[in-house]
Each structure stands twice: as C-alpha cells, then as structure tokens.
Amino acid sequence: MARVVDLTGENVTRKNRKERNYGTKTDLSSTTVERGNTHWAEGSNVNIDGFLGVAGTQRVTGLLDVTGTLNSSGVTNLSGVNNLSGVNHLTGPTDVAGNFEIISGGQFKAGDSLIYPDGSAKFGALGIASDGTMQAGLFELRPDGSADFGTFGIDSDGTLHVQNDLNVESGGRLIAGETTIEPTGKATFGDVIIDPVSPRMIQSPSGWLTANGVDSIGLSSSSTSSVNLNGSYADLNYAGTSRVVARAGAIDLSAPKVWVTGQLEVASTARFVGNVVMPGLPTTGSPGNVFVQGDGFLYKSTSASRFKLDQQAMDLPATLLDIPIKDWLDAGQVERGEAVYRIPGVIAEDVYAAGGHAFNTFTPEGDLEGVMYDRLAMARTELLHQRVKAIEKLLMI
C-alpha cells in the first residue's frame, strides 16, 4: 500500500485561506483519500488517462460530460432526467420507469425493432407508418378502419371486397361484377333478376317467372305468351288470341284456327257448338246415311231389320198429299251475306198441320225444327200407291 499523505495538515502550503477550494500538484502514482472529501474547485479539470474504478457510490451533482466511450457493466441505475446523445448501445435487460423520450430526430433500435423520429416504426415484419397505418406482408390496417388481407379487403364503411371483384357492403349488400345480392334476398345477375318478394320472382329481358302464392306459378314472355299453373287450372295463352285452358274435367281451346296435320281421334263425344265446315271431303254416289239430331249429335242412318224393334204397319193420313210445295230464301245465307237462291221443298209447320208430325224433327226442348224428306216422300208414295190400287179395283183392272 502507498504511503498516506495528509493534505490537510500544517505542512501543506496554504493558498488563499479564505477560499473554499484547494489545489495541489503531486507526482504520486497512487492516491488514497480516507474518510474525507476531495473537492475540485471551479475551473479545474480532472484528466484520467487510464482506468477509473469506483467501488461504492459515485455521485455526480451537476453535469457529467463524457467525451468518448463510456462503458458501464453490471447494474446501472439512472434516476432523475437522463439525456443521452450520440450513439448509445444498451445490452442486456433495460427497465425504464417513467417516460422514455427520444428527441432531436433520434432513432430507437432494439433488435429488429426500429422507431423513427416521424413516429413510424418497424417491429420485424410489422411496420407502422407515421399516419398510423400498420402493415405486415399482405396485411394492411389503416387509421380509418379500412384494411387489406391479401386479396380480401374491408373499407372504412364496412364494405368487404375480394380482389375488387366481390364487395359486401355494411348493410349486407353483396356486389360481384354485374351480380348484386340484396339483404332482402333479391339478386341481380346482369339482366336477370331474382326477387322472392316480388310477384315476378325471376325476370329477364325476354320474360319472367311469377309466383302468386301457394300452388301457383306462371311463365310469361316479355310481350306475347304466358303459361299459368295453379290448383284450379293450367292456362297457355298466346297474345290473347290463342288460348288453351285445362281445368277439372275439361280443356278449353280458343283460337281463330286449329290446325291438325295428322289424324284426330276422339274416344268419346266431340261437340261442335259453331259451324262444321269440311270442304275437302271426297265424293261418292252412295245415298246419304248421316242423321243430325236436334241436339247436334250425328248418327249413322241404318235400315236393316236388325236395327229395328217392334215393327208395325203405319196408318198414314191422306192429308199428307195436300202438303203444298214451296220455295224460299235461306235465312242463314242471307245473314252471312252469301250468294242466295230460292230453295224448293216443304215447310215443317205445313207437314205438322197435315198430320205428318211423325215426319218432323224437333229440338231437345221439343221445338219444331225440320222435315224428314226421304220418309215423307215414301209416305206420300205409299198413299198414292193405295189410291192407284183403289182405282184399279173400281175399274176392275
């Protein structure tokens, strides 16, 4: 151990007794101050060219200015306000109690973490821009609440979109190109619209599909045709001019013309309320054998005995020979504007008045309608035959 030198004794030349500061010069290689204080007066400098070791507590009141490198190992406690400038390397765990502030355009770095003076920062793959935008790879979150997750994005109003082709708005509306799906279920696919709450459930420029309640559906073109199906009927309508309605027990057909290019077969009764026109019928020399009944039914006229029951001789009134022959204009031809000509024959009322009601025809309601000419002629022929026989008998021929 070096020799102890007493710097406070009378042996030291005093300088400026009234001053608080003392100074001395020594060429000692080692100096120990025991249980005392060393005060360096104002304007003094302490230069240490070697190593400064402090065992215990080193207290600096005022400003400690270190030029060069200050290495501190172990535990370093800094209290109060600490200003660090230049390049500072902190290794090991660092605890900061209170505010930590980087001023004068400084940059904070800790491992892969960087904090820049403008407030931006990087924490490995995560970056924060000065405006608050966060970004990591394909992920980006902006201060207005919008975000991108690769090809998937969220706008600030809540709209979702995928590669700018699929958007889901905040109200639940979905848009993908020309496709739109509303929260109500209505969907638009270009020119095609599907709307479950509309009578026109499916719409397109060429027509629409309708749904009018339970067990009811319809299909309509844009301007001409429609098909309606429900629990009461099936209706096919073309422009209101041609229509087929199938209902329980009947099919209604309404059209200006019905063309049948093949064979028409009717298994039951065919009823024609209007006119029946068959201009293309082939001709024949055979006698007529069709009878039109008053209710419109057609029957094949027969004469064989096997078709007749309870055959009896008929009493013929001689007045049948008094039925006058007349001619007339046909009322139907006149009403239809057809070419008219006078028609010869007998009148049904004259036949009935002459006692020939058996040779008249009647409607289902019993109204007098026509005359069975062939049978009336046979009856008149039979009456003439009887008279010829009577004359021959009188003349003894």
Protein backbone atom coordinates (compact mmCIF):
# COMPACT_ATOMS: atom_id res chain seq x y z
CA MET A 1 0.00 0.00 0.00
CA ALA A 2 1.30 3.51 -0.82
CA ARG A 3 2.25 5.95 1.81
CA VAL A 4 -0.51 8.19 3.16
CA VAL A 5 -0.05 11.89 2.57
CA ASP A 6 -2.03 14.29 4.77
CA LEU A 7 -3.18 17.16 2.58
CA THR A 8 -4.97 18.96 5.43
CA GLY A 9 -2.07 19.43 7.86
CA GLU A 10 0.01 22.47 8.60
CA ASN A 11 2.77 21.03 6.48
CA VAL A 12 0.96 21.89 3.29
CA THR A 13 1.44 25.34 1.94
CA ARG A 14 -1.87 27.07 2.12
CA LYS A 15 -3.09 29.13 -0.73
CA ASN A 16 -5.87 31.57 -0.35
CA ARG A 17 -7.07 30.52 3.11
CA LYS A 18 -10.37 32.30 2.69
CA GLU A 19 -11.19 30.38 -0.49
CA ARG A 20 -13.18 27.20 -0.36
CA ASN A 21 -11.18 25.41 -2.98
CA TYR A 22 -7.76 23.96 -2.62
CA GLY A 23 -5.41 22.60 -5.16
CA THR A 24 -2.21 20.71 -5.14
CA LYS A 25 0.16 19.02 -7.55
CA THR A 26 1.71 15.67 -6.85
CA ASP A 27 3.60 13.09 -8.86
CA LEU A 28 2.25 10.21 -6.79
CA SER A 29 1.33 7.21 -8.85
CA SER A 30 -1.41 6.26 -6.35
CA THR A 31 -3.51 8.39 -4.02
CA THR A 32 -5.90 7.34 -1.30
CA VAL A 33 -8.32 9.69 0.46
CA GLU A 34 -9.52 8.15 3.69
CA ARG A 35 -12.83 9.28 5.22
CA GLY A 36 -12.65 12.65 3.63
CA ASN A 37 -13.75 14.62 0.63
CA THR A 38 -11.93 15.74 -2.46
CA HIS A 39 -13.25 18.92 -3.99
CA TRP A 40 -12.04 20.20 -7.31
CA ALA A 41 -12.50 23.95 -7.50
CA GLU A 42 -14.30 25.78 -10.22
CA GLY A 43 -12.30 25.92 -13.42
CA SER A 44 -10.42 22.73 -12.55
CA ASN A 45 -10.13 19.67 -14.77
CA VAL A 46 -9.62 16.06 -13.76
CA ASN A 47 -7.99 14.04 -16.51
CA ILE A 48 -7.75 10.28 -16.19
CA ASP A 49 -5.67 8.70 -18.90
CA GLY A 50 -6.02 5.20 -17.54
CA PHE A 51 -8.88 3.34 -15.86
CA LEU A 52 -11.33 4.89 -13.37
CA GLY A 53 -12.66 2.30 -10.98
CA VAL A 54 -15.37 3.22 -8.48
CA ALA A 55 -16.15 0.85 -5.63
CA GLY A 56 -19.23 2.09 -3.84
CA THR A 57 -21.30 5.02 -4.87
CA GLN A 58 -20.25 7.62 -7.40
CA ARG A 59 -22.44 10.71 -7.17
CA VAL A 60 -22.37 13.49 -9.74
CA THR A 61 -24.22 16.68 -8.84
CA GLY A 62 -24.47 18.87 -11.86
CA LEU A 63 -23.32 17.84 -15.34
CA LEU A 64 -21.22 14.80 -16.16
CA ASP A 65 -19.82 15.26 -19.64
CA VAL A 66 -18.17 12.19 -21.10
CA THR A 67 -16.46 12.53 -24.44
CA GLY A 68 -15.58 9.22 -25.99
CA THR A 69 -16.86 5.85 -24.98
CA LEU A 70 -18.46 5.19 -21.58
CA ASN A 71 -18.73 1.51 -20.83
CA SER A 72 -20.87 0.51 -17.88
CA SER A 73 -21.22 -3.14 -16.90
CA GLY A 74 -23.30 -4.69 -14.19
CA VAL A 75 -26.32 -2.87 -12.89
CA THR A 76 -26.52 0.80 -13.79
CA ASN A 77 -29.20 2.85 -12.06
CA LEU A 78 -30.08 6.21 -13.56
CA SER A 79 -32.61 8.41 -11.76
CA GLY A 80 -33.97 11.82 -12.50
CA VAL A 81 -33.70 13.24 -16.00
CA ASN A 82 -31.09 11.47 -18.15
CA ASN A 83 -30.15 12.89 -21.52
CA LEU A 84 -28.26 10.57 -23.86
CA SER A 85 -26.93 11.90 -27.15
CA GLY A 86 -24.88 10.35 -29.86
CA VAL A 87 -24.70 6.59 -30.32
CA ASN A 88 -25.76 4.64 -27.22
CA HIS A 89 -25.60 0.86 -27.05
CA LEU A 90 -27.56 -0.81 -24.25
CA THR A 91 -27.04 -4.54 -23.84
CA GLY A 92 -28.89 -6.81 -21.50
CA PRO A 93 -32.26 -6.17 -19.90
CA THR A 94 -33.18 -2.48 -19.67
CA ASP A 95 -36.01 -1.26 -17.44
CA VAL A 96 -37.37 2.28 -17.82
CA ALA A 97 -39.70 3.63 -15.11
CA GLY A 98 -41.45 6.79 -16.20
CA ASN A 99 -41.38 8.47 -19.61
CA PHE A 100 -38.86 7.48 -22.26
CA GLU A 101 -38.39 10.22 -24.86
CA ILE A 102 -36.21 10.35 -27.94
CA ILE A 103 -35.69 13.95 -29.06
CA SER A 104 -33.77 15.90 -31.69
CA GLY A 105 -34.53 13.49 -34.57
CA GLY A 106 -33.20 10.43 -32.81
CA GLN A 107 -33.90 6.83 -33.83
CA PHE A 108 -34.60 3.99 -31.42
CA LYS A 109 -33.44 0.48 -32.30
CA ALA A 110 -33.86 -2.68 -30.29
CA GLY A 111 -33.08 -5.89 -32.16
CA ASP A 112 -35.40 -6.00 -35.21
CA SER A 113 -37.42 -3.10 -33.79
CA LEU A 114 -36.95 0.44 -35.06
CA ILE A 115 -38.74 3.63 -34.03
CA TYR A 116 -38.19 6.62 -36.34
CA PRO A 117 -38.45 10.31 -35.45
CA ASP A 118 -41.63 10.79 -37.51
CA GLY A 119 -43.44 8.21 -35.36
CA SER A 120 -43.15 5.37 -37.83
CA ALA A 121 -41.75 2.10 -36.65
CA LYS A 122 -40.80 -1.42 -37.66
CA PHE A 123 -41.09 -4.44 -35.44
CA GLY A 124 -39.67 -7.26 -37.51
CA ALA A 125 -42.16 -7.86 -40.36
CA LEU A 126 -44.66 -5.43 -38.84
CA GLY A 127 -44.42 -1.81 -39.92
CA ILE A 128 -46.28 1.25 -38.63
CA ALA A 129 -46.31 4.34 -40.84
CA SER A 130 -46.32 7.87 -39.45
CA ASP A 131 -50.06 8.18 -40.27
CA GLY A 132 -50.83 5.12 -38.15
CA THR A 133 -51.06 2.60 -40.98
CA MET A 134 -49.94 -0.90 -39.92
CA GLN A 135 -48.52 -3.27 -42.49
CA ALA A 136 -47.18 -6.81 -42.33
CA GLY A 137 -46.72 -8.71 -45.58
CA LEU A 138 -50.08 -8.63 -47.43
CA PHE A 139 -51.85 -7.28 -44.33
CA GLU A 140 -52.52 -3.54 -44.01
CA LEU A 141 -54.66 -1.79 -41.39
CA ARG A 142 -55.35 1.93 -41.83
CA PRO A 143 -56.43 4.54 -39.25
CA ASP A 144 -59.86 4.96 -40.88
CA GLY A 145 -60.65 1.32 -40.07
CA SER A 146 -60.13 0.01 -43.58
CA ALA A 147 -57.87 -2.99 -44.04
CA ASP A 148 -56.48 -5.34 -46.67
CA PHE A 149 -55.76 -9.01 -46.09
CA GLY A 150 -54.09 -10.02 -49.34
CA THR A 151 -56.88 -10.24 -51.91
CA PHE A 152 -59.51 -9.62 -49.21
CA GLY A 153 -60.29 -6.07 -48.06
CA ILE A 154 -62.54 -4.10 -45.70
CA ASP A 155 -63.42 -0.46 -46.45
CA SER A 156 -63.96 2.13 -43.75
CA ASP A 157 -67.76 1.87 -44.16
CA GLY A 158 -67.65 -1.89 -43.55
CA THR A 159 -67.77 -2.94 -47.22
CA LEU A 160 -65.95 -6.22 -47.88
CA HIS A 161 -64.27 -6.87 -51.21
CA VAL A 162 -62.17 -9.62 -52.75
CA GLN A 163 -59.69 -8.55 -55.46
CA ASN A 164 -62.02 -5.60 -56.15
CA ASP A 165 -64.50 -8.05 -57.74
CA LEU A 166 -66.52 -9.04 -54.65
CA ASN A 167 -67.85 -6.35 -52.28
CA VAL A 168 -70.00 -6.86 -49.19
CA GLU A 169 -71.38 -3.51 -48.04
CA SER A 170 -72.11 -2.61 -44.44
CA GLY A 171 -75.85 -3.16 -44.91
CA GLY A 172 -75.25 -6.71 -46.15
CA ARG A 173 -75.43 -5.96 -49.88
CA LEU A 174 -73.09 -8.15 -51.95
CA ILE A 175 -71.69 -6.95 -55.28
CA ALA A 176 -69.55 -9.05 -57.62
CA GLY A 177 -69.16 -7.52 -61.07
CA GLU A 178 -72.65 -7.47 -62.59
CA THR A 179 -74.01 -9.62 -59.75
CA THR A 180 -75.78 -7.96 -56.81
CA ILE A 181 -77.43 -9.71 -53.86
CA GLU A 182 -79.57 -7.56 -51.56
CA PRO A 183 -80.22 -8.30 -47.84
CA THR A 184 -83.87 -8.95 -48.79
CA GLY A 185 -82.79 -11.90 -50.94
CA LYS A 186 -83.18 -10.05 -54.23
CA ALA A 187 -80.38 -10.95 -56.63
CA THR A 188 -79.38 -9.38 -59.93
CA PHE A 189 -77.25 -11.31 -62.40
CA GLY A 190 -76.71 -8.85 -65.26
CA ASP A 191 -80.11 -8.60 -66.97
CA VAL A 192 -81.63 -11.41 -64.87
CA ILE A 193 -83.35 -10.51 -61.56
CA ILE A 194 -84.46 -12.95 -58.85
CA ASP A 195 -86.72 -11.39 -56.22
CA PRO A 196 -88.54 -13.75 -53.80
CA VAL A 197 -90.85 -10.98 -52.52
CA SER A 198 -91.93 -9.78 -55.99
CA PRO A 199 -94.79 -11.34 -57.98
CA ARG A 200 -92.24 -11.57 -60.79
CA MET A 201 -89.89 -13.91 -58.95
CA ILE A 202 -87.46 -14.32 -61.87
CA GLN A 203 -87.19 -11.57 -64.51
CA SER A 204 -85.20 -11.27 -67.71
CA PRO A 205 -85.48 -9.11 -70.84
CA SER A 206 -87.29 -11.97 -72.62
CA GLY A 207 -89.83 -12.70 -69.87
CA TRP A 208 -90.39 -13.62 -66.23
CA LEU A 209 -91.44 -16.37 -63.86
CA THR A 210 -94.26 -15.48 -61.45
CA ALA A 211 -95.29 -17.00 -58.15
CA ASN A 212 -98.66 -15.86 -56.84
CA GLY A 213 -98.99 -17.82 -53.63
CA VAL A 214 -99.19 -21.48 -52.75
CA ASP A 215 -99.68 -23.88 -55.69
CA SER A 216 -99.47 -21.11 -58.28
CA ILE A 217 -96.70 -20.42 -60.77
CA GLY A 218 -96.54 -18.68 -64.12
CA LEU A 219 -94.18 -18.12 -67.02
CA SER A 220 -94.56 -15.12 -69.33
CA SER A 221 -92.66 -13.80 -72.30
CA SER A 222 -91.96 -10.08 -72.48
CA SER A 223 -94.84 -9.31 -74.85
CA THR A 224 -96.71 -12.33 -76.24
CA SER A 225 -97.09 -15.64 -74.41
CA SER A 226 -97.82 -16.83 -70.88
CA VAL A 227 -98.26 -20.10 -69.01
CA ASN A 228 -100.04 -20.18 -65.64
CA LEU A 229 -100.29 -23.25 -63.43
CA ASN A 230 -102.28 -23.43 -60.20
CA GLY A 231 -104.58 -25.70 -58.25
CA SER A 232 -107.62 -24.80 -60.41
CA TYR A 233 -106.34 -24.80 -63.99
CA ALA A 234 -103.38 -24.76 -66.38
CA ASP A 235 -103.52 -21.86 -68.83
CA LEU A 236 -101.49 -21.42 -72.04
CA ASN A 237 -102.10 -18.03 -73.64
CA TYR A 238 -100.56 -16.59 -76.80
CA ALA A 239 -101.05 -12.82 -77.16
CA GLY A 240 -104.67 -13.19 -76.04
CA THR A 241 -105.68 -14.64 -79.44
CA SER A 242 -104.97 -18.33 -78.89
CA ARG A 243 -105.56 -19.97 -75.53
CA VAL A 244 -105.69 -23.46 -74.03
CA VAL A 245 -107.08 -23.88 -70.52
CA ALA A 246 -107.03 -27.28 -68.85
CA ARG A 247 -109.32 -27.50 -65.83
CA ALA A 248 -111.04 -30.27 -63.92
CA GLY A 249 -112.96 -32.41 -66.42
CA ALA A 250 -112.47 -30.14 -69.44
CA ILE A 251 -109.96 -28.49 -71.78
CA ASP A 252 -110.92 -25.12 -73.26
CA LEU A 253 -109.36 -24.30 -76.62
CA SER A 254 -109.82 -20.81 -78.04
CA ALA A 255 -108.13 -19.81 -81.29
CA PRO A 256 -109.04 -18.37 -84.68
CA LYS A 257 -107.89 -21.64 -86.23
CA VAL A 258 -106.78 -25.05 -85.02
CA TRP A 259 -104.64 -26.97 -87.46
CA VAL A 260 -104.42 -30.75 -87.19
CA THR A 261 -101.87 -32.08 -89.68
CA GLY A 262 -102.27 -35.73 -88.67
CA GLN A 263 -105.22 -37.82 -87.59
CA LEU A 264 -107.61 -36.53 -84.96
CA GLU A 265 -109.10 -39.26 -82.80
CA VAL A 266 -111.86 -38.61 -80.28
CA ALA A 267 -112.54 -41.51 -77.91
CA SER A 268 -115.75 -40.00 -76.56
CA THR A 269 -118.10 -37.27 -77.80
CA ALA A 270 -116.92 -34.40 -79.98
CA ARG A 271 -119.25 -31.42 -79.60
CA PHE A 272 -119.09 -28.56 -82.11
CA VAL A 273 -121.04 -25.53 -80.90
CA GLY A 274 -120.29 -23.49 -84.01
CA ASN A 275 -120.22 -24.40 -87.66
CA VAL A 276 -118.61 -27.55 -89.04
CA VAL A 277 -117.04 -26.95 -92.46
CA MET A 278 -115.37 -29.81 -94.34
CA PRO A 279 -114.66 -28.54 -97.85
CA GLY A 280 -112.18 -31.24 -98.69
CA LEU A 281 -114.48 -34.25 -98.31
CA PRO A 282 -114.22 -36.83 -101.11
CA THR A 283 -117.35 -37.50 -103.23
CA THR A 284 -119.43 -40.70 -103.55
CA GLY A 285 -122.54 -41.91 -105.36
CA SER A 286 -123.86 -43.71 -102.30
CA PRO A 287 -127.04 -42.43 -100.62
CA GLY A 288 -126.80 -40.24 -97.54
CA ASN A 289 -126.69 -42.16 -94.29
CA VAL A 290 -125.94 -39.50 -91.65
CA PHE A 291 -128.65 -38.07 -89.41
CA VAL A 292 -128.21 -34.83 -87.41
CA GLN A 293 -130.29 -34.94 -84.27
CA GLY A 294 -131.81 -31.77 -82.84
CA ASP A 295 -129.18 -31.61 -80.09
CA GLY A 296 -126.42 -31.72 -82.68
CA PHE A 297 -125.45 -35.37 -82.36
CA LEU A 298 -124.57 -37.16 -85.58
CA TYR A 299 -125.85 -40.68 -86.17
CA LYS A 300 -125.34 -43.18 -88.94
CA SER A 301 -128.67 -43.85 -90.57
CA THR A 302 -129.47 -47.55 -90.99
CA SER A 303 -132.42 -49.55 -92.41
CA ALA A 304 -131.69 -53.23 -91.78
CA SER A 305 -134.22 -55.21 -89.76
CA ARG A 306 -131.63 -56.00 -87.08
CA PHE A 307 -131.60 -52.35 -86.14
CA LYS A 308 -135.40 -52.11 -85.74
CA LEU A 309 -137.62 -53.29 -82.90
CA ASP A 310 -141.45 -53.68 -82.74
CA GLN A 311 -142.06 -53.28 -86.47
CA GLN A 312 -145.71 -52.32 -87.27
CA ALA A 313 -147.71 -51.14 -90.28
CA MET A 314 -148.31 -47.40 -90.14
CA ASP A 315 -151.57 -45.56 -90.70
CA LEU A 316 -150.91 -42.63 -92.98
CA PRO A 317 -153.26 -39.62 -93.10
CA ALA A 318 -154.36 -38.86 -96.66
CA THR A 319 -153.80 -35.18 -95.89
CA LEU A 320 -150.08 -35.74 -96.39
CA LEU A 321 -150.87 -35.50 -100.12
CA ASP A 322 -152.22 -32.00 -99.52
CA ILE A 323 -148.92 -30.57 -98.20
CA PRO A 324 -148.00 -27.75 -100.58
CA ILE A 325 -144.61 -27.44 -102.25
CA LYS A 326 -142.98 -24.03 -101.69
CA ASP A 327 -139.67 -22.30 -102.29
CA TRP A 328 -137.82 -19.72 -100.15
CA LEU A 329 -134.60 -17.83 -99.39
CA ASP A 330 -132.41 -19.38 -96.68
CA ALA A 331 -132.20 -17.00 -93.70
CA GLY A 332 -128.68 -18.21 -92.76
CA GLN A 333 -127.31 -17.47 -96.20
CA VAL A 334 -128.85 -14.02 -96.13
CA GLU A 335 -127.44 -13.24 -92.66
CA ARG A 336 -123.97 -14.46 -93.64
CA GLY A 337 -124.03 -12.39 -96.81
CA GLU A 338 -123.64 -15.43 -99.02
CA ALA A 339 -125.00 -15.79 -102.53
CA VAL A 340 -128.72 -16.64 -102.23
CA TYR A 341 -131.04 -18.65 -104.38
CA ARG A 342 -134.55 -19.96 -103.96
CA ILE A 343 -134.81 -23.39 -102.37
CA PRO A 344 -137.80 -25.71 -103.12
CA GLY A 345 -139.37 -28.02 -100.54
CA VAL A 346 -141.98 -28.20 -97.84
CA ILE A 347 -142.36 -26.26 -94.61
CA ALA A 348 -142.15 -28.18 -91.33
CA GLU A 349 -145.20 -26.42 -89.94
CA ASP A 350 -147.26 -27.44 -93.06
CA VAL A 351 -146.19 -31.06 -92.58
CA TYR A 352 -147.13 -30.96 -88.91
CA ALA A 353 -150.52 -29.36 -89.72
CA ALA A 354 -151.25 -32.12 -92.26
CA GLY A 355 -150.86 -34.75 -89.56
CA GLY A 356 -147.31 -35.59 -90.51
CA HIS A 357 -145.69 -34.92 -87.14
CA ALA A 358 -144.07 -38.36 -87.43
CA PHE A 359 -142.05 -36.91 -90.31
CA ASN A 360 -140.98 -33.76 -88.43
CA THR A 361 -137.75 -33.27 -86.39
CA PHE A 362 -137.64 -31.44 -83.06
CA THR A 363 -135.06 -29.82 -80.79
CA PRO A 364 -134.26 -31.40 -77.38
CA GLU A 365 -136.63 -28.78 -75.93
CA GLY A 366 -139.47 -30.03 -78.19
CA ASP A 367 -139.49 -27.12 -80.61
CA LEU A 368 -140.38 -27.93 -84.22
CA GLU A 369 -137.27 -27.83 -86.38
CA GLY A 370 -137.30 -29.76 -89.67
CA VAL A 371 -138.72 -32.42 -92.01
CA MET A 372 -137.51 -35.93 -92.78
CA TYR A 373 -137.90 -35.51 -96.56
CA ASP A 374 -136.99 -39.08 -97.54
CA ARG A 375 -139.55 -40.62 -95.24
CA LEU A 376 -142.23 -38.07 -96.07
CA ALA A 377 -141.71 -38.89 -99.76
CA MET A 378 -142.07 -42.60 -99.03
CA ALA A 379 -145.28 -41.95 -97.09
CA ARG A 380 -146.74 -39.87 -99.92
CA THR A 381 -145.69 -42.58 -102.38
CA GLU A 382 -147.46 -45.19 -100.27
CA LEU A 383 -150.63 -43.04 -100.20
CA LEU A 384 -150.50 -42.70 -104.00
CA HIS A 385 -149.98 -46.45 -104.31
CA GLN A 386 -153.07 -47.09 -102.18
CA ARG A 387 -155.10 -44.75 -104.40
CA VAL A 388 -153.89 -46.47 -107.56
CA LYS A 389 -154.94 -49.82 -106.14
CA ALA A 390 -158.36 -48.40 -105.23
CA ILE A 391 -158.86 -47.01 -108.76
CA GLU A 392 -157.81 -50.30 -110.32
CA LYS A 393 -160.30 -52.09 -108.11
CA LEU A 394 -163.06 -49.78 -109.16
CA LEU A 395 -162.19 -50.16 -112.80
CA MET A 396 -161.90 -53.91 -112.39
CA ILE A 397 -158.46 -53.79 -113.93
